[in-house]
């Protein structure tokens, strides 16, 4: 474990990305040494423009876009490395690429073994 990782403690890196970039992000995270993640399908609204559609003669607006939330908790590698891996893999250069958030984790407990803190991650 690096000294930098010891100083940073446990961090949760949460990213909201395009669904079609999930495979690239998973590969990039594995290469960065952070293969464990949680993925949730979400919808949201940001700077990406709304889309208009028509169904049975009625016009509707879709302003909540389908996204994927990727959560990765790290203790043994710097959170900055995880952020860089996600940002590089998820980047398309268009509106709606997403956001990445880094949050401190107060504690962690592994249910199976009862380990706490960094060893639990």
PDB file of N, CA and C in Angstrom:
ATOM      1  N   UNK A   1       0.842  -1.174   0.000  1.00  0.00           N
ATOM      2  CA  UNK A   1       0.000   0.000   0.000  1.00  0.00           C
ATOM      3  C   UNK A   1       0.886   1.235   0.000  1.00  0.00           C
ATOM      4  N   UNK A   2       0.565   2.207  -0.836  1.00  0.00           N
ATOM      5  CA  UNK A   2       1.400   3.401  -0.937  1.00  0.00           C
ATOM      6  C   UNK A   2       1.130   4.359   0.217  1.00  0.00           C
ATOM      7  N   UNK A   3       2.121   5.208   0.531  1.00  0.00           N
ATOM      8  CA  UNK A   3       1.950   6.201   1.590  1.00  0.00           C
ATOM      9  C   UNK A   3       0.837   7.180   1.243  1.00  0.00           C
ATOM     10  N   UNK A   4       0.742   7.506  -0.062  1.00  0.00           N
ATOM     11  CA  UNK A   4      -0.297   8.444  -0.499  1.00  0.00           C
ATOM     12  C   UNK A   4      -1.682   7.857  -0.222  1.00  0.00           C
ATOM     13  N   UNK A   5      -1.863   6.563  -0.470  1.00  0.00           N
ATOM     14  CA  UNK A   5      -3.153   5.926  -0.214  1.00  0.00           C
ATOM     15  C   UNK A   5      -3.446   5.897   1.279  1.00  0.00           C
ATOM     16  N   UNK A   6      -2.402   5.673   2.133  1.00  0.00           N
ATOM     17  CA  UNK A   6      -2.595   5.692   3.584  1.00  0.00           C
ATOM     18  C   UNK A   6      -3.109   7.052   4.042  1.00  0.00           C
ATOM     19  N   UNK A   7      -2.548   8.120   3.495  1.00  0.00           N
ATOM     20  CA  UNK A   7      -2.918   9.470   3.891  1.00  0.00           C
ATOM     21  C   UNK A   7      -4.335   9.824   3.463  1.00  0.00           C
ATOM     22  N   UNK A   8      -4.773   9.305   2.334  1.00  0.00           N
ATOM     23  CA  UNK A   8      -6.084   9.694   1.830  1.00  0.00           C
ATOM     24  C   UNK A   8      -7.218   8.966   2.539  1.00  0.00           C
ATOM     25  N   UNK A   9      -6.972   7.835   3.175  1.00  0.00           N
ATOM     26  CA  UNK A   9      -8.027   7.069   3.822  1.00  0.00           C
ATOM     27  C   UNK A   9      -8.872   6.357   2.785  1.00  0.00           C
ATOM     28  N   UNK A  10     -10.079   6.024   3.181  1.00  0.00           N
ATOM     29  CA  UNK A  10     -10.992   5.326   2.275  1.00  0.00           C
ATOM     30  C   UNK A  10     -11.825   6.374   1.545  1.00  0.00           C
ATOM     31  N   UNK A  11     -11.910   6.240   0.228  1.00  0.00           N
ATOM     32  CA  UNK A  11     -12.683   7.181  -0.595  1.00  0.00           C
ATOM     33  C   UNK A  11     -13.680   6.416  -1.455  1.00  0.00           C
ATOM     34  N   UNK A  12     -14.819   7.039  -1.692  1.00  0.00           N
ATOM     35  CA  UNK A  12     -15.778   6.510  -2.662  1.00  0.00           C
ATOM     36  C   UNK A  12     -15.750   7.422  -3.875  1.00  0.00           C
ATOM     37  N   UNK A  13     -15.476   6.835  -5.017  1.00  0.00           N
ATOM     38  CA  UNK A  13     -15.522   7.572  -6.277  1.00  0.00           C
ATOM     39  C   UNK A  13     -16.834   7.186  -6.945  1.00  0.00           C
ATOM     40  N   UNK A  14     -17.678   8.191  -7.177  1.00  0.00           N
ATOM     41  CA  UNK A  14     -18.981   7.968  -7.779  1.00  0.00           C
ATOM     42  C   UNK A  14     -19.026   8.717  -9.111  1.00  0.00           C
ATOM     43  N   UNK A  15     -19.381   8.008 -10.161  1.00  0.00           N
ATOM     44  CA  UNK A  15     -19.438   8.620 -11.487  1.00  0.00           C
ATOM     45  C   UNK A  15     -20.795   8.364 -12.117  1.00  0.00           C
ATOM     46  N   UNK A  16     -21.338   9.386 -12.761  1.00  0.00           N
ATOM     47  CA  UNK A  16     -22.558   9.261 -13.547  1.00  0.00           C
ATOM     48  C   UNK A  16     -22.105   9.368 -15.000  1.00  0.00           C
ATOM     49  N   UNK A  17     -22.287   8.292 -15.773  1.00  0.00           N
ATOM     50  CA  UNK A  17     -21.756   8.239 -17.138  1.00  0.00           C
ATOM     51  C   UNK A  17     -22.817   7.754 -18.128  1.00  0.00           C
ATOM     52  N   UNK A  18     -22.463   7.820 -19.400  1.00  0.00           N
ATOM     53  CA  UNK A  18     -23.322   7.287 -20.457  1.00  0.00           C
ATOM     54  C   UNK A  18     -23.312   5.753 -20.375  1.00  0.00           C
ATOM     55  N   UNK A  19     -24.452   5.106 -20.573  1.00  0.00           N
ATOM     56  CA  UNK A  19     -24.499   3.643 -20.493  1.00  0.00           C
ATOM     57  C   UNK A  19     -23.563   2.951 -21.486  1.00  0.00           C
ATOM     58  N   UNK A  20     -23.389   3.524 -22.666  1.00  0.00           N
ATOM     59  CA  UNK A  20     -22.559   2.886 -23.685  1.00  0.00           C
ATOM     60  C   UNK A  20     -21.062   2.951 -23.366  1.00  0.00           C
ATOM     61  N   UNK A  21     -20.675   3.716 -22.357  1.00  0.00           N
ATOM     62  CA  UNK A  21     -19.263   3.818 -21.970  1.00  0.00           C
ATOM     63  C   UNK A  21     -18.919   2.913 -20.779  1.00  0.00           C
ATOM     64  N   UNK A  22     -19.901   2.165 -20.263  1.00  0.00           N
ATOM     65  CA  UNK A  22     -19.677   1.330 -19.089  1.00  0.00           C
ATOM     66  C   UNK A  22     -18.589   0.280 -19.320  1.00  0.00           C
ATOM     67  N   UNK A  23     -18.604  -0.375 -20.436  1.00  0.00           N
ATOM     68  CA  UNK A  23     -17.602  -1.407 -20.720  1.00  0.00           C
ATOM     69  C   UNK A  23     -16.194  -0.817 -20.717  1.00  0.00           C
ATOM     70  N   UNK A  24     -16.032   0.349 -21.336  1.00  0.00           N
ATOM     71  CA  UNK A  24     -14.731   1.014 -21.360  1.00  0.00           C
ATOM     72  C   UNK A  24     -14.285   1.400 -19.948  1.00  0.00           C
ATOM     73  N   UNK A  25     -15.217   1.870 -19.128  1.00  0.00           N
ATOM     74  CA  UNK A  25     -14.898   2.278 -17.758  1.00  0.00           C
ATOM     75  C   UNK A  25     -14.496   1.060 -16.927  1.00  0.00           C
ATOM     76  N   UNK A  26     -15.214  -0.052 -17.060  1.00  0.00           N
ATOM     77  CA  UNK A  26     -14.865  -1.267 -16.323  1.00  0.00           C
ATOM     78  C   UNK A  26     -13.456  -1.731 -16.673  1.00  0.00           C
ATOM     79  N   UNK A  27     -13.123  -1.727 -17.953  1.00  0.00           N
ATOM     80  CA  UNK A  27     -11.788  -2.135 -18.391  1.00  0.00           C
ATOM     81  C   UNK A  27     -10.730  -1.196 -17.837  1.00  0.00           C
ATOM     82  N   UNK A  28     -10.984   0.095 -17.907  1.00  0.00           N
ATOM     83  CA  UNK A  28     -10.035   1.092 -17.430  1.00  0.00           C
ATOM     84  C   UNK A  28      -9.808   0.981 -15.925  1.00  0.00           C
ATOM     85  N   UNK A  29     -10.875   0.732 -15.169  1.00  0.00           N
ATOM     86  CA  UNK A  29     -10.743   0.577 -13.721  1.00  0.00           C
ATOM     87  C   UNK A  29      -9.936  -0.676 -13.369  1.00  0.00           C
ATOM     88  N   UNK A  30     -10.163  -1.752 -14.088  1.00  0.00           N
ATOM     89  CA  UNK A  30      -9.405  -2.980 -13.838  1.00  0.00           C
ATOM     90  C   UNK A  30      -7.921  -2.757 -14.102  1.00  0.00           C
ATOM     91  N   UNK A  31      -7.609  -2.024 -15.167  1.00  0.00           N
ATOM     92  CA  UNK A  31      -6.212  -1.723 -15.495  1.00  0.00           C
ATOM     93  C   UNK A  31      -5.572  -0.811 -14.447  1.00  0.00           C
ATOM     94  N   UNK A  32      -6.377   0.036 -13.805  1.00  0.00           N
ATOM     95  CA  UNK A  32      -5.873   0.962 -12.782  1.00  0.00           C
ATOM     96  C   UNK A  32      -5.733   0.280 -11.418  1.00  0.00           C
ATOM     97  N   UNK A  33      -6.189  -0.966 -11.312  1.00  0.00           N
ATOM     98  CA  UNK A  33      -6.080  -1.692 -10.054  1.00  0.00           C
ATOM     99  C   UNK A  33      -7.296  -1.563  -9.156  1.00  0.00           C
ATOM    100  N   UNK A  34      -8.423  -1.147  -9.712  1.00  0.00           N
ATOM    101  CA  UNK A  34      -9.662  -0.993  -8.941  1.00  0.00           C
ATOM    102  C   UNK A  34     -10.790  -1.760  -9.625  1.00  0.00           C
ATOM    103  N   UNK A  35     -10.735  -3.104  -9.603  1.00  0.00           N
ATOM    104  CA  UNK A  35     -11.725  -3.889 -10.336  1.00  0.00           C
ATOM    105  C   UNK A  35     -13.094  -3.979  -9.661  1.00  0.00           C
ATOM    106  N   UNK A  36     -13.184  -3.675  -8.349  1.00  0.00           N
ATOM    107  CA  UNK A  36     -14.455  -3.793  -7.627  1.00  0.00           C
ATOM    108  C   UNK A  36     -15.295  -2.541  -7.820  1.00  0.00           C
ATOM    109  N   UNK A  37     -16.548  -2.733  -8.208  1.00  0.00           N
ATOM    110  CA  UNK A  37     -17.427  -1.589  -8.419  1.00  0.00           C
ATOM    111  C   UNK A  37     -18.879  -1.999  -8.268  1.00  0.00           C
ATOM    112  N   UNK A  38     -19.722  -1.014  -8.109  1.00  0.00           N
ATOM    113  CA  UNK A  38     -21.165  -1.200  -8.078  1.00  0.00           C
ATOM    114  C   UNK A  38     -21.750  -0.339  -9.182  1.00  0.00           C
ATOM    115  N   UNK A  39     -22.682  -0.915  -9.952  1.00  0.00           N
ATOM    116  CA  UNK A  39     -23.282  -0.202 -11.077  1.00  0.00           C
ATOM    117  C   UNK A  39     -24.796  -0.153 -10.882  1.00  0.00           C
ATOM    118  N   UNK A  40     -25.363   1.039 -11.067  1.00  0.00           N
ATOM    119  CA  UNK A  40     -26.799   1.241 -10.933  1.00  0.00           C
ATOM    120  C   UNK A  40     -27.299   2.003 -12.150  1.00  0.00           C
ATOM    121  N   UNK A  41     -28.437   1.593 -12.699  1.00  0.00           N
ATOM    122  CA  UNK A  41     -29.071   2.347 -13.779  1.00  0.00           C
ATOM    123  C   UNK A  41     -29.847   3.497 -13.156  1.00  0.00           C
ATOM    124  N   UNK A  42     -29.587   4.712 -13.632  1.00  0.00           N
ATOM    125  CA  UNK A  42     -30.245   5.904 -13.110  1.00  0.00           C
ATOM    126  C   UNK A  42     -30.701   6.771 -14.277  1.00  0.00           C
ATOM    127  N   UNK A  43     -31.501   7.778 -13.994  1.00  0.00           N
ATOM    128  CA  UNK A  43     -31.845   8.774 -15.008  1.00  0.00           C
ATOM    129  C   UNK A  43     -31.668  10.139 -14.370  1.00  0.00           C
ATOM    130  N   UNK A  44     -31.324  11.107 -15.204  1.00  0.00           N
ATOM    131  CA  UNK A  44     -31.084  12.434 -14.671  1.00  0.00           C
ATOM    132  C   UNK A  44     -31.097  13.491 -15.743  1.00  0.00           C
ATOM    133  N   UNK A  45     -30.899  14.717 -15.283  1.00  0.00           N
ATOM    134  CA  UNK A  45     -30.951  15.859 -16.191  1.00  0.00           C
ATOM    135  C   UNK A  45     -29.808  16.787 -15.852  1.00  0.00           C
ATOM    136  N   UNK A  46     -29.120  17.250 -16.880  1.00  0.00           N
ATOM    137  CA  UNK A  46     -28.022  18.190 -16.707  1.00  0.00           C
ATOM    138  C   UNK A  46     -27.974  19.113 -17.898  1.00  0.00           C
ATOM    139  N   UNK A  47     -26.788  19.265 -18.472  1.00  0.00           N
ATOM    140  CA  UNK A  47     -26.631  20.184 -19.600  1.00  0.00           C
ATOM    141  C   UNK A  47     -26.993  19.543 -20.938  1.00  0.00           C
ATOM    142  N   UNK A  48     -27.220  18.237 -20.935  1.00  0.00           N
ATOM    143  CA  UNK A  48     -27.595  17.547 -22.175  1.00  0.00           C
ATOM    144  C   UNK A  48     -28.997  17.997 -22.578  1.00  0.00           C
ATOM    145  N   UNK A  49     -29.184  18.370 -23.854  1.00  0.00           N
ATOM    146  CA  UNK A  49     -30.486  18.906 -24.264  1.00  0.00           C
ATOM    147  C   UNK A  49     -31.597  17.853 -24.219  1.00  0.00           C
ATOM    148  N   UNK A  50     -32.839  18.337 -24.015  1.00  0.00           N
ATOM    149  CA  UNK A  50     -34.001  17.450 -24.011  1.00  0.00           C
ATOM    150  C   UNK A  50     -34.280  16.971 -25.426  1.00  0.00           C
ATOM    151  N   UNK A  51     -34.886  15.794 -25.512  1.00  0.00           N
ATOM    152  CA  UNK A  51     -35.268  15.237 -26.814  1.00  0.00           C
ATOM    153  C   UNK A  51     -36.780  15.248 -26.917  1.00  0.00           C
ATOM    154  N   UNK A  52     -37.276  15.603 -28.088  1.00  0.00           N
ATOM    155  CA  UNK A  52     -38.718  15.606 -28.320  1.00  0.00           C
ATOM    156  C   UNK A  52     -39.083  14.370 -29.122  1.00  0.00           C
ATOM    157  N   UNK A  53     -40.257  13.825 -28.806  1.00  0.00           N
ATOM    158  CA  UNK A  53     -40.737  12.655 -29.518  1.00  0.00           C
ATOM    159  C   UNK A  53     -42.230  12.747 -29.709  1.00  0.00           C
ATOM    160  N   UNK A  54     -42.782  11.754 -30.417  1.00  0.00           N
ATOM    161  CA  UNK A  54     -44.211  11.743 -30.663  1.00  0.00           C
ATOM    162  C   UNK A  54     -44.706  10.313 -30.509  1.00  0.00           C
ATOM    163  N   UNK A  55     -45.812  10.157 -29.784  1.00  0.00           N
ATOM    164  CA  UNK A  55     -46.398   8.844 -29.579  1.00  0.00           C
ATOM    165  C   UNK A  55     -47.903   8.963 -29.649  1.00  0.00           C
ATOM    166  N   UNK A  56     -48.506   8.215 -30.553  1.00  0.00           N
ATOM    167  CA  UNK A  56     -49.953   8.240 -30.778  1.00  0.00           C
ATOM    168  C   UNK A  56     -50.472   9.653 -31.004  1.00  0.00           C
ATOM    169  N   UNK A  57     -49.724  10.415 -31.769  1.00  0.00           N
ATOM    170  CA  UNK A  57     -50.139  11.758 -32.121  1.00  0.00           C
ATOM    171  C   UNK A  57     -49.845  12.819 -31.081  1.00  0.00           C
ATOM    172  N   UNK A  58     -49.381  12.428 -29.938  1.00  0.00           N
ATOM    173  CA  UNK A  58     -49.064  13.373 -28.876  1.00  0.00           C
ATOM    174  C   UNK A  58     -47.562  13.605 -28.819  1.00  0.00           C
ATOM    175  N   UNK A  59     -47.168  14.874 -28.725  1.00  0.00           N
ATOM    176  CA  UNK A  59     -45.746  15.200 -28.597  1.00  0.00           C
ATOM    177  C   UNK A  59     -45.346  15.150 -27.127  1.00  0.00           C
ATOM    178  N   UNK A  60     -44.166  14.620 -26.863  1.00  0.00           N
ATOM    179  CA  UNK A  60     -43.663  14.572 -25.486  1.00  0.00           C
ATOM    180  C   UNK A  60     -42.188  14.953 -25.478  1.00  0.00           C
ATOM    181  N   UNK A  61     -41.716  15.345 -24.319  1.00  0.00           N
ATOM    182  CA  UNK A  61     -40.325  15.742 -24.147  1.00  0.00           C
ATOM    183  C   UNK A  61     -39.659  14.803 -23.149  1.00  0.00           C
ATOM    184  N   UNK A  62     -38.487  14.311 -23.531  1.00  0.00           N
ATOM    185  CA  UNK A  62     -37.696  13.474 -22.636  1.00  0.00           C
ATOM    186  C   UNK A  62     -36.532  14.332 -22.151  1.00  0.00           C
ATOM    187  N   UNK A  63     -36.601  14.742 -20.876  1.00  0.00           N
ATOM    188  CA  UNK A  63     -35.512  15.551 -20.343  1.00  0.00           C
ATOM    189  C   UNK A  63     -34.744  14.822 -19.246  1.00  0.00           C
ATOM    190  N   UNK A  64     -35.186  13.619 -18.906  1.00  0.00           N
ATOM    191  CA  UNK A  64     -34.431  12.767 -17.996  1.00  0.00           C
ATOM    192  C   UNK A  64     -33.770  11.683 -18.843  1.00  0.00           C
ATOM    193  N   UNK A  65     -32.458  11.737 -18.942  1.00  0.00           N
ATOM    194  CA  UNK A  65     -31.712  10.820 -19.793  1.00  0.00           C
ATOM    195  C   UNK A  65     -31.219   9.616 -19.003  1.00  0.00           C
ATOM    196  N   UNK A  66     -31.195   8.463 -19.653  1.00  0.00           N
ATOM    197  CA  UNK A  66     -30.706   7.244 -19.010  1.00  0.00           C
ATOM    198  C   UNK A  66     -29.201   7.343 -18.821  1.00  0.00           C
ATOM    199  N   UNK A  67     -28.743   7.073 -17.611  1.00  0.00           N
ATOM    200  CA  UNK A  67     -27.324   7.108 -17.269  1.00  0.00           C
ATOM    201  C   UNK A  67     -26.995   5.878 -16.431  1.00  0.00           C
ATOM    202  N   UNK A  68     -25.722   5.714 -16.149  1.00  0.00           N
ATOM    203  CA  UNK A  68     -25.253   4.637 -15.289  1.00  0.00           C
ATOM    204  C   UNK A  68     -24.437   5.275 -14.170  1.00  0.00           C
ATOM    205  N   UNK A  69     -24.721   4.876 -12.926  1.00  0.00           N
ATOM    206  CA  UNK A  69     -23.937   5.350 -11.794  1.00  0.00           C
ATOM    207  C   UNK A  69     -22.960   4.239 -11.415  1.00  0.00           C
ATOM    208  N   UNK A  70     -21.673   4.579 -11.421  1.00  0.00           N
ATOM    209  CA  UNK A  70     -20.614   3.642 -11.073  1.00  0.00           C
ATOM    210  C   UNK A  70     -20.021   4.103  -9.750  1.00  0.00           C
ATOM    211  N   UNK A  71     -19.986   3.214  -8.761  1.00  0.00           N
ATOM    212  CA  UNK A  71     -19.407   3.529  -7.460  1.00  0.00           C
ATOM    213  C   UNK A  71     -18.232   2.586  -7.210  1.00  0.00           C
ATOM    214  N   UNK A  72     -17.136   3.163  -6.789  1.00  0.00           N
ATOM    215  CA  UNK A  72     -15.914   2.401  -6.546  1.00  0.00           C
ATOM    216  C   UNK A  72     -15.295   2.911  -5.248  1.00  0.00           C
ATOM    217  N   UNK A  73     -15.161   2.029  -4.260  1.00  0.00           N
ATOM    218  CA  UNK A  73     -14.564   2.410  -2.986  1.00  0.00           C
ATOM    219  C   UNK A  73     -13.116   1.924  -2.984  1.00  0.00           C
ATOM    220  N   UNK A  74     -12.194   2.847  -2.699  1.00  0.00           N
ATOM    221  CA  UNK A  74     -10.771   2.513  -2.741  1.00  0.00           C
ATOM    222  C   UNK A  74     -10.071   2.942  -1.462  1.00  0.00           C
ATOM    223  N   UNK A  75      -9.061   2.154  -1.086  1.00  0.00           N
ATOM    224  CA  UNK A  75      -8.231   2.495   0.061  1.00  0.00           C
ATOM    225  C   UNK A  75      -6.771   2.247  -0.265  1.00  0.00           C
ATOM    226  N   UNK A  76      -6.508   1.305  -1.164  1.00  0.00           N
ATOM    227  CA  UNK A  76      -5.125   0.914  -1.439  1.00  0.00           C
ATOM    228  C   UNK A  76      -4.531   1.577  -2.670  1.00  0.00           C
ATOM    229  N   UNK A  77      -5.341   2.307  -3.427  1.00  0.00           N
ATOM    230  CA  UNK A  77      -4.822   3.086  -4.557  1.00  0.00           C
ATOM    231  C   UNK A  77      -5.382   4.503  -4.440  1.00  0.00           C
ATOM    232  N   UNK A  78      -4.661   5.506  -4.937  1.00  0.00           N
ATOM    233  CA  UNK A  78      -5.151   6.889  -4.840  1.00  0.00           C
ATOM    234  C   UNK A  78      -6.462   7.088  -5.607  1.00  0.00           C
ATOM    235  N   UNK A  79      -7.384   7.812  -5.006  1.00  0.00           N
ATOM    236  CA  UNK A  79      -8.663   8.102  -5.655  1.00  0.00           C
ATOM    237  C   UNK A  79      -8.450   8.873  -6.952  1.00  0.00           C
ATOM    238  N   UNK A  80      -7.395   9.681  -7.019  1.00  0.00           N
ATOM    239  CA  UNK A  80      -7.110  10.441  -8.244  1.00  0.00           C
ATOM    240  C   UNK A  80      -6.851   9.514  -9.430  1.00  0.00           C
ATOM    241  N   UNK A  81      -6.219   8.366  -9.184  1.00  0.00           N
ATOM    242  CA  UNK A  81      -5.976   7.395 -10.259  1.00  0.00           C
ATOM    243  C   UNK A  81      -7.291   6.821 -10.775  1.00  0.00           C
ATOM    244  N   UNK A  82      -8.228   6.583  -9.863  1.00  0.00           N
ATOM    245  CA  UNK A  82      -9.539   6.056 -10.241  1.00  0.00           C
ATOM    246  C   UNK A  82     -10.316   7.111 -11.034  1.00  0.00           C
ATOM    247  N   UNK A  83     -10.259   8.357 -10.570  1.00  0.00           N
ATOM    248  CA  UNK A  83     -10.935   9.458 -11.275  1.00  0.00           C
ATOM    249  C   UNK A  83     -10.378   9.592 -12.692  1.00  0.00           C
ATOM    250  N   UNK A  84      -9.058   9.563 -12.825  1.00  0.00           N
ATOM    251  CA  UNK A  84      -8.439   9.671 -14.150  1.00  0.00           C
ATOM    252  C   UNK A  84      -8.855   8.518 -15.055  1.00  0.00           C
ATOM    253  N   UNK A  85      -8.905   7.299 -14.506  1.00  0.00           N
ATOM    254  CA  UNK A  85      -9.284   6.129 -15.295  1.00  0.00           C
ATOM    255  C   UNK A  85     -10.714   6.261 -15.808  1.00  0.00           C
ATOM    256  N   UNK A  86     -11.625   6.697 -14.942  1.00  0.00           N
ATOM    257  CA  UNK A  86     -13.024   6.864 -15.353  1.00  0.00           C
ATOM    258  C   UNK A  86     -13.160   7.990 -16.365  1.00  0.00           C
ATOM    259  N   UNK A  87     -12.527   9.124 -16.086  1.00  0.00           N
ATOM    260  CA  UNK A  87     -12.645  10.288 -16.971  1.00  0.00           C
ATOM    261  C   UNK A  87     -12.114   9.981 -18.370  1.00  0.00           C
ATOM    262  N   UNK A  88     -10.978   9.299 -18.447  1.00  0.00           N
ATOM    263  CA  UNK A  88     -10.408   8.959 -19.751  1.00  0.00           C
ATOM    264  C   UNK A  88     -11.301   8.000 -20.522  1.00  0.00           C
ATOM    265  N   UNK A  89     -11.872   7.005 -19.828  1.00  0.00           N
ATOM    266  CA  UNK A  89     -12.687   5.992 -20.502  1.00  0.00           C
ATOM    267  C   UNK A  89     -14.075   6.503 -20.878  1.00  0.00           C
ATOM    268  N   UNK A  90     -14.635   7.424 -20.100  1.00  0.00           N
ATOM    269  CA  UNK A  90     -16.004   7.886 -20.329  1.00  0.00           C
ATOM    270  C   UNK A  90     -16.084   9.099 -21.254  1.00  0.00           C
ATOM    271  N   UNK A  91     -14.961   9.704 -21.566  1.00  0.00           N
ATOM    272  CA  UNK A  91     -14.938  10.952 -22.337  1.00  0.00           C
ATOM    273  C   UNK A  91     -15.341  10.734 -23.799  1.00  0.00           C
ATOM    274  N   UNK A  92     -16.310  11.541 -24.268  1.00  0.00           N
ATOM    275  CA  UNK A  92     -16.642  11.591 -25.693  1.00  0.00           C
ATOM    276  C   UNK A  92     -16.479  13.002 -26.234  1.00  0.00           C
ATOM    277  N   UNK A  93     -16.450  13.991 -25.333  1.00  0.00           N
ATOM    278  CA  UNK A  93     -16.333  15.375 -25.749  1.00  0.00           C
ATOM    279  C   UNK A  93     -17.669  16.036 -26.025  1.00  0.00           C
ATOM    280  N   UNK A  94     -18.766  15.320 -25.793  1.00  0.00           N
ATOM    281  CA  UNK A  94     -20.095  15.863 -26.042  1.00  0.00           C
ATOM    282  C   UNK A  94     -20.798  16.139 -24.717  1.00  0.00           C
ATOM    283  N   UNK A  95     -21.839  16.969 -24.766  1.00  0.00           N
ATOM    284  CA  UNK A  95     -22.648  17.209 -23.571  1.00  0.00           C
ATOM    285  C   UNK A  95     -23.246  15.882 -23.128  1.00  0.00           C
ATOM    286  N   UNK A  96     -23.340  15.701 -21.810  1.00  0.00           N
ATOM    287  CA  UNK A  96     -23.933  14.480 -21.281  1.00  0.00           C
ATOM    288  C   UNK A  96     -22.915  13.390 -20.972  1.00  0.00           C
ATOM    289  N   UNK A  97     -21.616  13.706 -21.032  1.00  0.00           N
ATOM    290  CA  UNK A  97     -20.587  12.712 -20.694  1.00  0.00           C
ATOM    291  C   UNK A  97     -20.673  12.298 -19.230  1.00  0.00           C
ATOM    292  N   UNK A  98     -21.113  13.186 -18.354  1.00  0.00           N
ATOM    293  CA  UNK A  98     -21.314  12.828 -16.960  1.00  0.00           C
ATOM    294  C   UNK A  98     -20.473  13.628 -15.996  1.00  0.00           C
ATOM    295  N   UNK A  99     -20.469  13.163 -14.755  1.00  0.00           N
ATOM    296  CA  UNK A  99     -19.743  13.814 -13.675  1.00  0.00           C
ATOM    297  C   UNK A  99     -19.103  12.742 -12.804  1.00  0.00           C
ATOM    298  N   UNK A 100     -18.037  13.143 -12.081  1.00  0.00           N
ATOM    299  CA  UNK A 100     -17.364  12.256 -11.143  1.00  0.00           C
ATOM    300  C   UNK A 100     -17.273  12.988  -9.801  1.00  0.00           C
ATOM    301  N   UNK A 101     -17.613  12.281  -8.728  1.00  0.00           N
ATOM    302  CA  UNK A 101     -17.564  12.836  -7.388  1.00  0.00           C
ATOM    303  C   UNK A 101     -16.671  11.951  -6.523  1.00  0.00           C
ATOM    304  N   UNK A 102     -15.902  12.564  -5.628  1.00  0.00           N
ATOM    305  CA  UNK A 102     -15.064  11.816  -4.687  1.00  0.00           C
ATOM    306  C   UNK A 102     -15.530  12.182  -3.279  1.00  0.00           C
ATOM    307  N   UNK A 103     -15.905  11.145  -2.511  1.00  0.00           N
ATOM    308  CA  UNK A 103     -16.444  11.344  -1.174  1.00  0.00           C
ATOM    309  C   UNK A 103     -15.599  10.591  -0.146  1.00  0.00           C
ATOM    310  N   UNK A 104     -15.397  11.174   1.034  1.00  0.00           N
ATOM    311  CA  UNK A 104     -14.694  10.421   2.080  1.00  0.00           C
ATOM    312  C   UNK A 104     -15.626   9.348   2.652  1.00  0.00           C
ATOM    313  N   UNK A 105     -15.058   8.202   2.997  1.00  0.00           N
ATOM    314  CA  UNK A 105     -15.817   7.125   3.622  1.00  0.00           C
ATOM    315  C   UNK A 105     -15.388   7.055   5.082  1.00  0.00           C
ATOM    316  N   UNK A 106     -16.330   7.224   5.979  1.00  0.00           N
ATOM    317  CA  UNK A 106     -16.021   7.263   7.400  1.00  0.00           C
ATOM    318  C   UNK A 106     -15.547   5.908   7.915  1.00  0.00           C
ATOM    319  N   UNK A 107     -16.225   4.843   7.508  1.00  0.00           N
ATOM    320  CA  UNK A 107     -15.799   3.503   7.923  1.00  0.00           C
ATOM    321  C   UNK A 107     -16.312   2.476   6.926  1.00  0.00           C
ATOM    322  N   UNK A 108     -15.727   1.282   7.003  1.00  0.00           N
ATOM    323  CA  UNK A 108     -16.147   0.179   6.149  1.00  0.00           C
ATOM    324  C   UNK A 108     -16.028  -1.106   6.947  1.00  0.00           C
ATOM    325  N   UNK A 109     -16.986  -2.003   6.776  1.00  0.00           N
ATOM    326  CA  UNK A 109     -16.977  -3.298   7.444  1.00  0.00           C
ATOM    327  C   UNK A 109     -17.292  -4.362   6.413  1.00  0.00           C
ATOM    328  N   UNK A 110     -16.446  -5.376   6.318  1.00  0.00           N
ATOM    329  CA  UNK A 110     -16.712  -6.494   5.417  1.00  0.00           C
ATOM    330  C   UNK A 110     -17.624  -7.469   6.162  1.00  0.00           C
ATOM    331  N   UNK A 111     -18.794  -7.731   5.626  1.00  0.00           N
ATOM    332  CA  UNK A 111     -19.806  -8.523   6.309  1.00  0.00           C
ATOM    333  C   UNK A 111     -19.315  -9.952   6.577  1.00  0.00           C
ATOM    334  N   UNK A 112     -18.722 -10.591   5.591  1.00  0.00           N
ATOM    335  CA  UNK A 112     -18.316 -11.988   5.724  1.00  0.00           C
ATOM    336  C   UNK A 112     -17.264 -12.198   6.806  1.00  0.00           C
ATOM    337  N   UNK A 113     -16.235 -11.349   6.830  1.00  0.00           N
ATOM    338  CA  UNK A 113     -15.114 -11.564   7.738  1.00  0.00           C
ATOM    339  C   UNK A 113     -15.125 -10.687   8.976  1.00  0.00           C
ATOM    340  N   UNK A 114     -15.886  -9.607   8.954  1.00  0.00           N
ATOM    341  CA  UNK A 114     -15.909  -8.683  10.075  1.00  0.00           C
ATOM    342  C   UNK A 114     -14.736  -7.697  10.076  1.00  0.00           C
ATOM    343  N   UNK A 115     -13.892  -7.740   9.011  1.00  0.00           N
ATOM    344  CA  UNK A 115     -12.770  -6.798   8.924  1.00  0.00           C
ATOM    345  C   UNK A 115     -13.323  -5.382   8.856  1.00  0.00           C
ATOM    346  N   UNK A 116     -12.544  -4.444   9.427  1.00  0.00           N
ATOM    347  CA  UNK A 116     -12.952  -3.047   9.427  1.00  0.00           C
ATOM    348  C   UNK A 116     -11.859  -2.160   8.853  1.00  0.00           C
ATOM    349  N   UNK A 117     -12.263  -0.992   8.368  1.00  0.00           N
ATOM    350  CA  UNK A 117     -11.294  -0.024   7.826  1.00  0.00           C
ATOM    351  C   UNK A 117     -10.737  -0.447   6.480  1.00  0.00           C
ATOM    352  N   UNK A 118      -9.477  -0.061   6.211  1.00  0.00           N
ATOM    353  CA  UNK A 118      -8.853  -0.352   4.918  1.00  0.00           C
ATOM    354  C   UNK A 118      -8.863  -1.830   4.553  1.00  0.00           C
ATOM    355  N   UNK A 119      -8.597  -2.762   5.471  1.00  0.00           N
ATOM    356  CA  UNK A 119      -8.628  -4.183   5.091  1.00  0.00           C
ATOM    357  C   UNK A 119      -9.998  -4.656   4.597  1.00  0.00           C
ATOM    358  N   UNK A 120     -11.068  -3.978   4.995  1.00  0.00           N
ATOM    359  CA  UNK A 120     -12.406  -4.359   4.559  1.00  0.00           C
ATOM    360  C   UNK A 120     -12.656  -4.010   3.099  1.00  0.00           C
ATOM    361  N   UNK A 121     -11.916  -3.015   2.614  1.00  0.00           N
ATOM    362  CA  UNK A 121     -12.113  -2.567   1.238  1.00  0.00           C
ATOM    363  C   UNK A 121     -11.336  -3.474   0.322  1.00  0.00           C
TER     364      UNK A 121
END
